[in-house]
Amino acid sequence: VQDAWFAKSADIEARAAEAARTFEPGRMLNPARLVAELNGLFAQTGLVAEIGSQQSERNGSIAFHNVQVTCRGAELGSLVAFYRALESRAPYLTLEQATLALDRATPGKLSATFRVSAPEIQR
């Protein structure tokens, strides 16, 4: 499998470069703007969240800023609204991972952990 990826690396890099040219730089989020955008989405959807530390991974000219957020005692409708709000901001804001569980402290509510990512072209 790894050999197959290496064999396609030139094609993958070319496609990534082409995709990067279609991004609107003004809509990309740096780490501070990522956190601010998430705070706005949480306020918009009525969720209270803990935003973890931000981490960035660089791959050539693209940086991926990642943050983990946790919501406790949330209603399903609010979580779905948050997901839809994230979805509407793609590809500038993406959901990488989501975990849902019953909130033991609040019957009938959920705890959710999301890993959100924002790509930024480094010029």
PDB file of N, CA and C in Angstrom:
ATOM      1  N   VAL A   1       0.833  -1.190   0.000  1.00  0.00           N
ATOM      2  CA  VAL A   1       0.000   0.000   0.000  1.00  0.00           C
ATOM      3  C   VAL A   1       0.878   1.254   0.000  1.00  0.00           C
ATOM      4  N   GLN A   2       1.890   1.251   0.842  1.00  0.00           N
ATOM      5  CA  GLN A   2       2.779   2.404   0.921  1.00  0.00           C
ATOM      6  C   GLN A   2       3.466   2.655  -0.426  1.00  0.00           C
ATOM      7  N   ASP A   3       3.887   1.594  -1.088  1.00  0.00           N
ATOM      8  CA  ASP A   3       4.525   1.733  -2.395  1.00  0.00           C
ATOM      9  C   ASP A   3       3.579   2.355  -3.412  1.00  0.00           C
ATOM     10  N   ALA A   4       2.300   2.008  -3.317  1.00  0.00           N
ATOM     11  CA  ALA A   4       1.312   2.573  -4.237  1.00  0.00           C
ATOM     12  C   ALA A   4       1.198   4.089  -4.032  1.00  0.00           C
ATOM     13  N   TRP A   5       1.219   4.516  -2.779  1.00  0.00           N
ATOM     14  CA  TRP A   5       1.156   5.953  -2.495  1.00  0.00           C
ATOM     15  C   TRP A   5       2.408   6.660  -3.007  1.00  0.00           C
ATOM     16  N   PHE A   6       3.558   6.065  -2.791  1.00  0.00           N
ATOM     17  CA  PHE A   6       4.795   6.668  -3.284  1.00  0.00           C
ATOM     18  C   PHE A   6       4.794   6.748  -4.802  1.00  0.00           C
ATOM     19  N   ALA A   7       4.257   5.738  -5.457  1.00  0.00           N
ATOM     20  CA  ALA A   7       4.201   5.738  -6.920  1.00  0.00           C
ATOM     21  C   ALA A   7       3.302   6.857  -7.443  1.00  0.00           C
ATOM     22  N   LYS A   8       2.310   7.233  -6.671  1.00  0.00           N
ATOM     23  CA  LYS A   8       1.372   8.280  -7.084  1.00  0.00           C
ATOM     24  C   LYS A   8       1.743   9.656  -6.528  1.00  0.00           C
ATOM     25  N   SER A   9       2.855   9.769  -5.831  1.00  0.00           N
ATOM     26  CA  SER A   9       3.179  11.016  -5.127  1.00  0.00           C
ATOM     27  C   SER A   9       3.268  12.220  -6.060  1.00  0.00           C
ATOM     28  N   ALA A  10       3.835  12.074  -7.256  1.00  0.00           N
ATOM     29  CA  ALA A  10       3.936  13.205  -8.175  1.00  0.00           C
ATOM     30  C   ALA A  10       2.544  13.673  -8.599  1.00  0.00           C
ATOM     31  N   ASP A  11       1.655  12.725  -8.881  1.00  0.00           N
ATOM     32  CA  ASP A  11       0.283  13.068  -9.266  1.00  0.00           C
ATOM     33  C   ASP A  11      -0.446  13.737  -8.099  1.00  0.00           C
ATOM     34  N   ILE A  12      -0.269  13.208  -6.914  1.00  0.00           N
ATOM     35  CA  ILE A  12      -0.923  13.777  -5.728  1.00  0.00           C
ATOM     36  C   ILE A  12      -0.440  15.202  -5.495  1.00  0.00           C
ATOM     37  N   GLU A  13       0.870  15.424  -5.605  1.00  0.00           N
ATOM     38  CA  GLU A  13       1.423  16.769  -5.403  1.00  0.00           C
ATOM     39  C   GLU A  13       0.922  17.740  -6.465  1.00  0.00           C
ATOM     40  N   ALA A  14       0.831  17.291  -7.701  1.00  0.00           N
ATOM     41  CA  ALA A  14       0.334  18.153  -8.780  1.00  0.00           C
ATOM     42  C   ALA A  14      -1.129  18.518  -8.552  1.00  0.00           C
ATOM     43  N   ARG A  15      -1.926  17.555  -8.146  1.00  0.00           N
ATOM     44  CA  ARG A  15      -3.344  17.819  -7.879  1.00  0.00           C
ATOM     45  C   ARG A  15      -3.511  18.742  -6.679  1.00  0.00           C
ATOM     46  N   ALA A  16      -2.681  18.570  -5.662  1.00  0.00           N
ATOM     47  CA  ALA A  16      -2.732  19.448  -4.486  1.00  0.00           C
ATOM     48  C   ALA A  16      -2.362  20.876  -4.868  1.00  0.00           C
ATOM     49  N   ALA A  17      -1.354  21.035  -5.700  1.00  0.00           N
ATOM     50  CA  ALA A  17      -0.948  22.370  -6.146  1.00  0.00           C
ATOM     51  C   ALA A  17      -2.067  23.039  -6.944  1.00  0.00           C
ATOM     52  N   GLU A  18      -2.731  22.275  -7.803  1.00  0.00           N
ATOM     53  CA  GLU A  18      -3.850  22.816  -8.579  1.00  0.00           C
ATOM     54  C   GLU A  18      -4.997  23.227  -7.662  1.00  0.00           C
ATOM     55  N   ALA A  19      -5.295  22.396  -6.699  1.00  0.00           N
ATOM     56  CA  ALA A  19      -6.359  22.724  -5.745  1.00  0.00           C
ATOM     57  C   ALA A  19      -6.004  23.970  -4.945  1.00  0.00           C
ATOM     58  N   ALA A  20      -4.749  24.098  -4.578  1.00  0.00           N
ATOM     59  CA  ALA A  20      -4.311  25.255  -3.789  1.00  0.00           C
ATOM     60  C   ALA A  20      -4.511  26.551  -4.576  1.00  0.00           C
ATOM     61  N   ARG A  21      -4.376  26.503  -5.882  1.00  0.00           N
ATOM     62  CA  ARG A  21      -4.556  27.708  -6.707  1.00  0.00           C
ATOM     63  C   ARG A  21      -6.014  28.171  -6.724  1.00  0.00           C
ATOM     64  N   THR A  22      -6.954  27.293  -6.429  1.00  0.00           N
ATOM     65  CA  THR A  22      -8.363  27.669  -6.452  1.00  0.00           C
ATOM     66  C   THR A  22      -8.852  28.243  -5.125  1.00  0.00           C
ATOM     67  N   PHE A  23      -8.047  28.133  -4.081  1.00  0.00           N
ATOM     68  CA  PHE A  23      -8.427  28.671  -2.779  1.00  0.00           C
ATOM     69  C   PHE A  23      -8.389  30.194  -2.812  1.00  0.00           C
ATOM     70  N   GLU A  24      -9.300  30.813  -2.094  1.00  0.00           N
ATOM     71  CA  GLU A  24      -9.305  32.260  -1.933  1.00  0.00           C
ATOM     72  C   GLU A  24      -8.520  32.578  -0.660  1.00  0.00           C
ATOM     73  N   PRO A  25      -7.347  33.198  -0.791  1.00  0.00           N
ATOM     74  CA  PRO A  25      -6.493  33.444   0.378  1.00  0.00           C
ATOM     75  C   PRO A  25      -7.193  34.180   1.514  1.00  0.00           C
ATOM     76  N   GLY A  26      -8.080  35.101   1.189  1.00  0.00           N
ATOM     77  CA  GLY A  26      -8.772  35.867   2.222  1.00  0.00           C
ATOM     78  C   GLY A  26      -9.730  35.043   3.075  1.00  0.00           C
ATOM     79  N   ARG A  27     -10.105  33.870   2.587  1.00  0.00           N
ATOM     80  CA  ARG A  27     -11.033  33.013   3.343  1.00  0.00           C
ATOM     81  C   ARG A  27     -10.304  31.978   4.197  1.00  0.00           C
ATOM     82  N   MET A  28      -8.996  31.868   4.013  1.00  0.00           N
ATOM     83  CA  MET A  28      -8.227  30.890   4.790  1.00  0.00           C
ATOM     84  C   MET A  28      -8.055  31.386   6.214  1.00  0.00           C
ATOM     85  N   LEU A  29      -7.927  30.437   7.113  1.00  0.00           N
ATOM     86  CA  LEU A  29      -7.855  30.761   8.530  1.00  0.00           C
ATOM     87  C   LEU A  29      -6.481  30.431   9.096  1.00  0.00           C
ATOM     88  N   ASN A  30      -5.853  31.415   9.732  1.00  0.00           N
ATOM     89  CA  ASN A  30      -4.637  31.138  10.482  1.00  0.00           C
ATOM     90  C   ASN A  30      -5.079  30.609  11.852  1.00  0.00           C
ATOM     91  N   PRO A  31      -4.155  30.228  12.723  1.00  0.00           N
ATOM     92  CA  PRO A  31      -4.581  29.651  14.013  1.00  0.00           C
ATOM     93  C   PRO A  31      -5.509  30.543  14.836  1.00  0.00           C
ATOM     94  N   ALA A  32      -5.226  31.828  14.885  1.00  0.00           N
ATOM     95  CA  ALA A  32      -6.076  32.730  15.677  1.00  0.00           C
ATOM     96  C   ALA A  32      -7.466  32.853  15.059  1.00  0.00           C
ATOM     97  N   ARG A  33      -7.524  32.959  13.745  1.00  0.00           N
ATOM     98  CA  ARG A  33      -8.822  33.065  13.065  1.00  0.00           C
ATOM     99  C   ARG A  33      -9.613  31.765  13.161  1.00  0.00           C
ATOM    100  N   LEU A  34      -8.917  30.635  13.201  1.00  0.00           N
ATOM    101  CA  LEU A  34      -9.589  29.342  13.375  1.00  0.00           C
ATOM    102  C   LEU A  34     -10.343  29.317  14.699  1.00  0.00           C
ATOM    103  N   VAL A  35      -9.669  29.694  15.777  1.00  0.00           N
ATOM    104  CA  VAL A  35     -10.301  29.697  17.097  1.00  0.00           C
ATOM    105  C   VAL A  35     -11.450  30.709  17.137  1.00  0.00           C
ATOM    106  N   ALA A  36     -11.246  31.881  16.562  1.00  0.00           N
ATOM    107  CA  ALA A  36     -12.302  32.898  16.539  1.00  0.00           C
ATOM    108  C   ALA A  36     -13.519  32.399  15.758  1.00  0.00           C
ATOM    109  N   GLU A  37     -13.274  31.752  14.629  1.00  0.00           N
ATOM    110  CA  GLU A  37     -14.366  31.212  13.818  1.00  0.00           C
ATOM    111  C   GLU A  37     -15.145  30.150  14.590  1.00  0.00           C
ATOM    112  N   LEU A  38     -14.425  29.277  15.279  1.00  0.00           N
ATOM    113  CA  LEU A  38     -15.095  28.242  16.076  1.00  0.00           C
ATOM    114  C   LEU A  38     -15.923  28.862  17.193  1.00  0.00           C
ATOM    115  N   ASN A  39     -15.378  29.872  17.872  1.00  0.00           N
ATOM    116  CA  ASN A  39     -16.143  30.545  18.924  1.00  0.00           C
ATOM    117  C   ASN A  39     -17.432  31.125  18.363  1.00  0.00           C
ATOM    118  N   GLY A  40     -17.367  31.691  17.166  1.00  0.00           N
ATOM    119  CA  GLY A  40     -18.565  32.225  16.526  1.00  0.00           C
ATOM    120  C   GLY A  40     -19.581  31.140  16.207  1.00  0.00           C
ATOM    121  N   LEU A  41     -19.094  30.002  15.720  1.00  0.00           N
ATOM    122  CA  LEU A  41     -20.003  28.893  15.411  1.00  0.00           C
ATOM    123  C   LEU A  41     -20.660  28.344  16.674  1.00  0.00           C
ATOM    124  N   PHE A  42     -19.905  28.269  17.749  1.00  0.00           N
ATOM    125  CA  PHE A  42     -20.491  27.775  19.000  1.00  0.00           C
ATOM    126  C   PHE A  42     -21.546  28.738  19.509  1.00  0.00           C
ATOM    127  N   ALA A  43     -21.277  30.019  19.436  1.00  0.00           N
ATOM    128  CA  ALA A  43     -22.266  31.007  19.864  1.00  0.00           C
ATOM    129  C   ALA A  43     -23.509  30.923  18.985  1.00  0.00           C
ATOM    130  N   GLN A  44     -23.315  30.760  17.679  1.00  0.00           N
ATOM    131  CA  GLN A  44     -24.423  30.671  16.717  1.00  0.00           C
ATOM    132  C   GLN A  44     -25.289  29.444  16.973  1.00  0.00           C
ATOM    133  N   THR A  45     -24.691  28.341  17.386  1.00  0.00           N
ATOM    134  CA  THR A  45     -25.441  27.086  17.551  1.00  0.00           C
ATOM    135  C   THR A  45     -25.838  26.821  19.002  1.00  0.00           C
ATOM    136  N   GLY A  46     -25.483  27.715  19.908  1.00  0.00           N
ATOM    137  CA  GLY A  46     -25.877  27.558  21.302  1.00  0.00           C
ATOM    138  C   GLY A  46     -25.077  26.528  22.080  1.00  0.00           C
ATOM    139  N   LEU A  47     -23.923  26.152  21.578  1.00  0.00           N
ATOM    140  CA  LEU A  47     -23.084  25.173  22.275  1.00  0.00           C
ATOM    141  C   LEU A  47     -22.055  25.868  23.144  1.00  0.00           C
ATOM    142  N   VAL A  48     -21.740  25.236  24.247  1.00  0.00           N
ATOM    143  CA  VAL A  48     -20.637  25.682  25.098  1.00  0.00           C
ATOM    144  C   VAL A  48     -19.522  24.670  24.886  1.00  0.00           C
ATOM    145  N   ALA A  49     -18.352  25.159  24.523  1.00  0.00           N
ATOM    146  CA  ALA A  49     -17.266  24.241  24.175  1.00  0.00           C
ATOM    147  C   ALA A  49     -15.970  24.631  24.849  1.00  0.00           C
ATOM    148  N   GLU A  50     -15.162  23.614  25.065  1.00  0.00           N
ATOM    149  CA  GLU A  50     -13.785  23.824  25.516  1.00  0.00           C
ATOM    150  C   GLU A  50     -12.919  23.642  24.279  1.00  0.00           C
ATOM    151  N   ILE A  51     -12.146  24.666  23.954  1.00  0.00           N
ATOM    152  CA  ILE A  51     -11.277  24.585  22.790  1.00  0.00           C
ATOM    153  C   ILE A  51      -9.872  24.268  23.275  1.00  0.00           C
ATOM    154  N   GLY A  52      -9.339  23.140  22.778  1.00  0.00           N
ATOM    155  CA  GLY A  52      -8.006  22.704  23.173  1.00  0.00           C
ATOM    156  C   GLY A  52      -6.931  23.506  22.457  1.00  0.00           C
ATOM    157  N   SER A  53      -5.702  23.154  22.729  1.00  0.00           N
ATOM    158  CA  SER A  53      -4.597  23.870  22.106  1.00  0.00           C
ATOM    159  C   SER A  53      -4.558  23.589  20.612  1.00  0.00           C
ATOM    160  N   GLN A  54      -4.124  24.586  19.888  1.00  0.00           N
ATOM    161  CA  GLN A  54      -4.046  24.505  18.430  1.00  0.00           C
ATOM    162  C   GLN A  54      -2.684  23.932  18.055  1.00  0.00           C
ATOM    163  N   GLN A  55      -2.685  23.077  17.022  1.00  0.00           N
ATOM    164  CA  GLN A  55      -1.448  22.513  16.493  1.00  0.00           C
ATOM    165  C   GLN A  55      -1.439  22.720  14.993  1.00  0.00           C
ATOM    166  N   SER A  56      -0.263  22.949  14.435  1.00  0.00           N
ATOM    167  CA  SER A  56      -0.134  23.111  12.994  1.00  0.00           C
ATOM    168  C   SER A  56       0.811  22.063  12.434  1.00  0.00           C
ATOM    169  N   GLU A  57       0.444  21.543  11.280  1.00  0.00           N
ATOM    170  CA  GLU A  57       1.285  20.596  10.549  1.00  0.00           C
ATOM    171  C   GLU A  57       1.564  21.224   9.194  1.00  0.00           C
ATOM    172  N   ARG A  58       2.825  21.280   8.821  1.00  0.00           N
ATOM    173  CA  ARG A  58       3.181  21.872   7.540  1.00  0.00           C
ATOM    174  C   ARG A  58       3.576  20.778   6.552  1.00  0.00           C
ATOM    175  N   ASN A  59       3.092  20.943   5.328  1.00  0.00           N
ATOM    176  CA  ASN A  59       3.426  20.016   4.249  1.00  0.00           C
ATOM    177  C   ASN A  59       3.711  20.869   3.019  1.00  0.00           C
ATOM    178  N   GLY A  60       4.971  21.158   2.793  1.00  0.00           N
ATOM    179  CA  GLY A  60       5.328  22.025   1.686  1.00  0.00           C
ATOM    180  C   GLY A  60       4.793  23.419   1.924  1.00  0.00           C
ATOM    181  N   SER A  61       3.996  23.916   0.989  1.00  0.00           N
ATOM    182  CA  SER A  61       3.479  25.277   1.100  1.00  0.00           C
ATOM    183  C   SER A  61       2.122  25.353   1.796  1.00  0.00           C
ATOM    184  N   ILE A  62       1.646  24.250   2.307  1.00  0.00           N
ATOM    185  CA  ILE A  62       0.345  24.237   2.980  1.00  0.00           C
ATOM    186  C   ILE A  62       0.528  23.885   4.455  1.00  0.00           C
ATOM    187  N   ALA A  63      -0.109  24.673   5.309  1.00  0.00           N
ATOM    188  CA  ALA A  63      -0.145  24.380   6.744  1.00  0.00           C
ATOM    189  C   ALA A  63      -1.573  23.961   7.081  1.00  0.00           C
ATOM    190  N   PHE A  64      -1.687  22.945   7.898  1.00  0.00           N
ATOM    191  CA  PHE A  64      -2.997  22.511   8.383  1.00  0.00           C
ATOM    192  C   PHE A  64      -3.048  22.826   9.869  1.00  0.00           C
ATOM    193  N   HIS A  65      -3.926  23.740  10.236  1.00  0.00           N
ATOM    194  CA  HIS A  65      -4.100  24.134  11.633  1.00  0.00           C
ATOM    195  C   HIS A  65      -5.223  23.274  12.204  1.00  0.00           C
ATOM    196  N   ASN A  66      -4.939  22.590  13.291  1.00  0.00           N
ATOM    197  CA  ASN A  66      -5.890  21.655  13.894  1.00  0.00           C
ATOM    198  C   ASN A  66      -6.180  22.055  15.330  1.00  0.00           C
ATOM    199  N   VAL A  67      -7.406  21.830  15.738  1.00  0.00           N
ATOM    200  CA  VAL A  67      -7.790  22.080  17.121  1.00  0.00           C
ATOM    201  C   VAL A  67      -8.842  21.047  17.520  1.00  0.00           C
ATOM    202  N   GLN A  68      -8.785  20.642  18.777  1.00  0.00           N
ATOM    203  CA  GLN A  68      -9.782  19.709  19.304  1.00  0.00           C
ATOM    204  C   GLN A  68     -10.721  20.491  20.206  1.00  0.00           C
ATOM    205  N   VAL A  69     -12.013  20.266  20.020  1.00  0.00           N
ATOM    206  CA  VAL A  69     -13.018  20.941  20.837  1.00  0.00           C
ATOM    207  C   VAL A  69     -13.921  19.901  21.482  1.00  0.00           C
ATOM    208  N   THR A  70     -14.360  20.206  22.689  1.00  0.00           N
ATOM    209  CA  THR A  70     -15.212  19.288  23.439  1.00  0.00           C
ATOM    210  C   THR A  70     -16.451  20.033  23.918  1.00  0.00           C
ATOM    211  N   CYS A  71     -17.600  19.437  23.697  1.00  0.00           N
ATOM    212  CA  CYS A  71     -18.880  19.976  24.152  1.00  0.00           C
ATOM    213  C   CYS A  71     -19.490  18.944  25.096  1.00  0.00           C
ATOM    214  N   ARG A  72     -19.904  19.390  26.256  1.00  0.00           N
ATOM    215  CA  ARG A  72     -20.547  18.481  27.212  1.00  0.00           C
ATOM    216  C   ARG A  72     -21.976  18.961  27.467  1.00  0.00           C
ATOM    217  N   GLY A  73     -22.862  18.029  27.726  1.00  0.00           N
ATOM    218  CA  GLY A  73     -24.250  18.383  28.021  1.00  0.00           C
ATOM    219  C   GLY A  73     -24.960  19.016  26.840  1.00  0.00           C
ATOM    220  N   ALA A  74     -24.644  18.552  25.633  1.00  0.00           N
ATOM    221  CA  ALA A  74     -25.201  19.151  24.426  1.00  0.00           C
ATOM    222  C   ALA A  74     -26.421  18.379  23.942  1.00  0.00           C
ATOM    223  N   GLU A  75     -27.302  19.093  23.280  1.00  0.00           N
ATOM    224  CA  GLU A  75     -28.449  18.458  22.646  1.00  0.00           C
ATOM    225  C   GLU A  75     -28.075  18.094  21.218  1.00  0.00           C
ATOM    226  N   LEU A  76     -28.648  17.012  20.724  1.00  0.00           N
ATOM    227  CA  LEU A  76     -28.330  16.527  19.391  1.00  0.00           C
ATOM    228  C   LEU A  76     -28.581  17.598  18.327  1.00  0.00           C
ATOM    229  N   GLY A  77     -29.666  18.328  18.437  1.00  0.00           N
ATOM    230  CA  GLY A  77     -29.984  19.362  17.453  1.00  0.00           C
ATOM    231  C   GLY A  77     -28.903  20.427  17.350  1.00  0.00           C
ATOM    232  N   SER A  78     -28.334  20.817  18.477  1.00  0.00           N
ATOM    233  CA  SER A  78     -27.251  21.813  18.472  1.00  0.00           C
ATOM    234  C   SER A  78     -25.993  21.257  17.826  1.00  0.00           C
ATOM    235  N   LEU A  79     -25.715  19.979  18.082  1.00  0.00           N
ATOM    236  CA  LEU A  79     -24.538  19.356  17.471  1.00  0.00           C
ATOM    237  C   LEU A  79     -24.701  19.238  15.955  1.00  0.00           C
ATOM    238  N   VAL A  80     -25.905  18.900  15.516  1.00  0.00           N
ATOM    239  CA  VAL A  80     -26.170  18.821  14.077  1.00  0.00           C
ATOM    240  C   VAL A  80     -26.048  20.211  13.449  1.00  0.00           C
ATOM    241  N   ALA A  81     -26.539  21.232  14.140  1.00  0.00           N
ATOM    242  CA  ALA A  81     -26.423  22.606  13.628  1.00  0.00           C
ATOM    243  C   ALA A  81     -24.952  23.013  13.520  1.00  0.00           C
ATOM    244  N   PHE A  82     -24.148  22.626  14.489  1.00  0.00           N
ATOM    245  CA  PHE A  82     -22.707  22.912  14.444  1.00  0.00           C
ATOM    246  C   PHE A  82     -22.074  22.207  13.249  1.00  0.00           C
ATOM    247  N   TYR A  83     -22.415  20.945  13.050  1.00  0.00           N
ATOM    248  CA  TYR A  83     -21.879  20.192  11.914  1.00  0.00           C
ATOM    249  C   TYR A  83     -22.251  20.866  10.588  1.00  0.00           C
ATOM    250  N   ARG A  84     -23.487  21.276  10.457  1.00  0.00           N
ATOM    251  CA  ARG A  84     -23.926  21.927   9.210  1.00  0.00           C
ATOM    252  C   ARG A  84     -23.213  23.259   8.998  1.00  0.00           C
ATOM    253  N   ALA A  85     -22.989  23.987  10.092  1.00  0.00           N
ATOM    254  CA  ALA A  85     -22.259  25.248   9.977  1.00  0.00           C
ATOM    255  C   ALA A  85     -20.820  24.998   9.531  1.00  0.00           C
ATOM    256  N   LEU A  86     -20.193  23.955  10.065  1.00  0.00           N
ATOM    257  CA  LEU A  86     -18.841  23.583   9.625  1.00  0.00           C
ATOM    258  C   LEU A  86     -18.853  23.196   8.149  1.00  0.00           C
ATOM    259  N   GLU A  87     -19.822  22.382   7.787  1.00  0.00           N
ATOM    260  CA  GLU A  87     -19.936  21.896   6.415  1.00  0.00           C
ATOM    261  C   GLU A  87     -20.066  23.055   5.423  1.00  0.00           C
ATOM    262  N   SER A  88     -20.758  24.103   5.813  1.00  0.00           N
ATOM    263  CA  SER A  88     -20.964  25.244   4.917  1.00  0.00           C
ATOM    264  C   SER A  88     -19.679  26.043   4.706  1.00  0.00           C
ATOM    265  N   ARG A  89     -18.674  25.826   5.544  1.00  0.00           N
ATOM    266  CA  ARG A  89     -17.418  26.560   5.426  1.00  0.00           C
ATOM    267  C   ARG A  89     -16.309  25.750   4.755  1.00  0.00           C
ATOM    268  N   ALA A  90     -16.639  24.555   4.293  1.00  0.00           N
ATOM    269  CA  ALA A  90     -15.650  23.727   3.600  1.00  0.00           C
ATOM    270  C   ALA A  90     -15.278  24.400   2.286  1.00  0.00           C
ATOM    271  N   PRO A  91     -14.085  24.286   1.827  1.00  0.00           N
ATOM    272  CA  PRO A  91     -12.938  23.529   2.326  1.00  0.00           C
ATOM    273  C   PRO A  91     -12.042  24.316   3.279  1.00  0.00           C
ATOM    274  N   TYR A  92     -12.492  25.507   3.700  1.00  0.00           N
ATOM    275  CA  TYR A  92     -11.657  26.352   4.554  1.00  0.00           C
ATOM    276  C   TYR A  92     -11.699  25.929   6.015  1.00  0.00           C
ATOM    277  N   LEU A  93     -12.682  25.153   6.372  1.00  0.00           N
ATOM    278  CA  LEU A  93     -12.847  24.631   7.722  1.00  0.00           C
ATOM    279  C   LEU A  93     -13.421  23.232   7.571  1.00  0.00           C
ATOM    280  N   THR A  94     -12.735  22.231   8.097  1.00  0.00           N
ATOM    281  CA  THR A  94     -13.183  20.856   7.890  1.00  0.00           C
ATOM    282  C   THR A  94     -13.215  20.083   9.199  1.00  0.00           C
ATOM    283  N   LEU A  95     -14.128  19.142   9.261  1.00  0.00           N
ATOM    284  CA  LEU A  95     -14.230  18.248  10.397  1.00  0.00           C
ATOM    285  C   LEU A  95     -13.405  17.004  10.086  1.00  0.00           C
ATOM    286  N   GLU A  96     -12.369  16.789  10.864  1.00  0.00           N
ATOM    287  CA  GLU A  96     -11.483  15.643  10.650  1.00  0.00           C
ATOM    288  C   GLU A  96     -11.956  14.414  11.409  1.00  0.00           C
ATOM    289  N   GLN A  97     -12.532  14.643  12.590  1.00  0.00           N
ATOM    290  CA  GLN A  97     -12.947  13.520  13.433  1.00  0.00           C
ATOM    291  C   GLN A  97     -14.043  13.989  14.384  1.00  0.00           C
ATOM    292  N   ALA A  98     -14.993  13.109  14.673  1.00  0.00           N
ATOM    293  CA  ALA A  98     -16.056  13.405  15.630  1.00  0.00           C
ATOM    294  C   ALA A  98     -16.330  12.176  16.478  1.00  0.00           C
ATOM    295  N   THR A  99     -16.506  12.403  17.754  1.00  0.00           N
ATOM    296  CA  THR A  99     -16.844  11.333  18.684  1.00  0.00           C
ATOM    297  C   THR A  99     -18.019  11.798  19.531  1.00  0.00           C
ATOM    298  N   LEU A 100     -19.069  10.992  19.577  1.00  0.00           N
ATOM    299  CA  LEU A 100     -20.254  11.295  20.386  1.00  0.00           C
ATOM    300  C   LEU A 100     -20.438  10.222  21.443  1.00  0.00           C
ATOM    301  N   ALA A 101     -20.884  10.645  22.611  1.00  0.00           N
ATOM    302  CA  ALA A 101     -21.167   9.703  23.691  1.00  0.00           C
ATOM    303  C   ALA A 101     -22.274  10.295  24.563  1.00  0.00           C
ATOM    304  N   LEU A 102     -22.995   9.418  25.243  1.00  0.00           N
ATOM    305  CA  LEU A 102     -23.981   9.904  26.205  1.00  0.00           C
ATOM    306  C   LEU A 102     -23.253  10.623  27.322  1.00  0.00           C
ATOM    307  N   ASP A 103     -23.797  11.742  27.747  1.00  0.00           N
ATOM    308  CA  ASP A 103     -23.199  12.504  28.843  1.00  0.00           C
ATOM    309  C   ASP A 103     -23.714  11.913  30.158  1.00  0.00           C
ATOM    310  N   ARG A 104     -22.862  11.262  30.886  1.00  0.00           N
ATOM    311  CA  ARG A 104     -23.280  10.588  32.135  1.00  0.00           C
ATOM    312  C   ARG A 104     -23.745  11.568  33.199  1.00  0.00           C
ATOM    313  N   ALA A 105     -23.209  12.780  33.149  1.00  0.00           N
ATOM    314  CA  ALA A 105     -23.581  13.775  34.155  1.00  0.00           C
ATOM    315  C   ALA A 105     -24.928  14.424  33.856  1.00  0.00           C
ATOM    316  N   THR A 106     -25.359  14.379  32.602  1.00  0.00           N
ATOM    317  CA  THR A 106     -26.601  15.024  32.209  1.00  0.00           C
ATOM    318  C   THR A 106     -27.431  14.057  31.376  1.00  0.00           C
ATOM    319  N   PRO A 107     -28.350  13.335  32.001  1.00  0.00           N
ATOM    320  CA  PRO A 107     -29.167  12.370  31.253  1.00  0.00           C
ATOM    321  C   PRO A 107     -29.892  13.027  30.077  1.00  0.00           C
ATOM    322  N   GLY A 108     -29.897  12.318  28.948  1.00  0.00           N
ATOM    323  CA  GLY A 108     -30.566  12.807  27.758  1.00  0.00           C
ATOM    324  C   GLY A 108     -29.729  13.761  26.921  1.00  0.00           C
ATOM    325  N   LYS A 109     -28.529  14.058  27.376  1.00  0.00           N
ATOM    326  CA  LYS A 109     -27.638  14.959  26.647  1.00  0.00           C
ATOM    327  C   LYS A 109     -26.419  14.174  26.156  1.00  0.00           C
ATOM    328  N   LEU A 110     -25.643  14.826  25.294  1.00  0.00           N
ATOM    329  CA  LEU A 110     -24.479  14.180  24.695  1.00  0.00           C
ATOM    330  C   LEU A 110     -23.196  14.948  25.010  1.00  0.00           C
ATOM    331  N   SER A 111     -22.102  14.229  24.975  1.00  0.00           N
ATOM    332  CA  SER A 111     -20.777  14.838  24.977  1.00  0.00           C
ATOM    333  C   SER A 111     -20.200  14.581  23.594  1.00  0.00           C
ATOM    334  N   ALA A 112     -19.551  15.578  23.043  1.00  0.00           N
ATOM    335  CA  ALA A 112     -18.982  15.451  21.701  1.00  0.00           C
ATOM    336  C   ALA A 112     -17.572  16.012  21.690  1.00  0.00           C
ATOM    337  N   THR A 113     -16.706  15.329  20.964  1.00  0.00           N
ATOM    338  CA  THR A 113     -15.352  15.813  20.745  1.00  0.00           C
ATOM    339  C   THR A 113     -15.145  15.884  19.241  1.00  0.00           C
ATOM    340  N   PHE A 114     -14.675  17.029  18.781  1.00  0.00           N
ATOM    341  CA  PHE A 114     -14.437  17.250  17.362  1.00  0.00           C
ATOM    342  C   PHE A 114     -12.982  17.629  17.146  1.00  0.00           C
ATOM    343  N   ARG A 115     -12.425  17.163  16.054  1.00  0.00           N
ATOM    344  CA  ARG A 115     -11.117  17.634  15.612  1.00  0.00           C
ATOM    345  C   ARG A 115     -11.378  18.403  14.333  1.00  0.00           C
ATOM    346  N   VAL A 116     -11.099  19.707  14.367  1.00  0.00           N
ATOM    347  CA  VAL A 116     -11.382  20.594  13.255  1.00  0.00           C
ATOM    348  C   VAL A 116     -10.063  21.070  12.668  1.00  0.00           C
ATOM    349  N   SER A 117     -10.034  21.179  11.344  1.00  0.00           N
ATOM    350  CA  SER A 117      -8.817  21.555  10.648  1.00  0.00           C
ATOM    351  C   SER A 117      -9.100  22.692   9.679  1.00  0.00           C
ATOM    352  N   ALA A 118      -8.098  23.544   9.504  1.00  0.00           N
ATOM    353  CA  ALA A 118      -8.188  24.630   8.534  1.00  0.00           C
ATOM    354  C   ALA A 118      -6.886  24.698   7.753  1.00  0.00           C
ATOM    355  N   PRO A 119      -6.943  24.525   6.439  1.00  0.00           N
ATOM    356  CA  PRO A 119      -5.713  24.618   5.638  1.00  0.00           C
ATOM    357  C   PRO A 119      -5.372  26.097   5.388  1.00  0.00           C
ATOM    358  N   GLU A 120      -4.085  26.380   5.294  1.00  0.00           N
ATOM    359  CA  GLU A 120      -3.628  27.721   4.977  1.00  0.00           C
ATOM    360  C   GLU A 120      -2.420  27.616   4.060  1.00  0.00           C
ATOM    361  N   ILE A 121      -2.493  28.295   2.943  1.00  0.00           N
ATOM    362  CA  ILE A 121      -1.362  28.277   2.012  1.00  0.00           C
ATOM    363  C   ILE A 121      -0.325  29.269   2.512  1.00  0.00           C
ATOM    364  N   GLN A 122       0.886  28.794   2.659  1.00  0.00           N
ATOM    365  CA  GLN A 122       1.998  29.624   3.105  1.00  0.00           C
ATOM    366  C   GLN A 122       2.655  30.234   1.879  1.00  0.00           C
ATOM    367  N   ARG A 123       2.620  31.518   1.764  1.00  0.00           N
ATOM    368  CA  ARG A 123       3.207  32.175   0.578  1.00  0.00           C
ATOM    369  C   ARG A 123       4.467  32.887   0.945  1.00  0.00           C
TER     370      ARG A 123
END
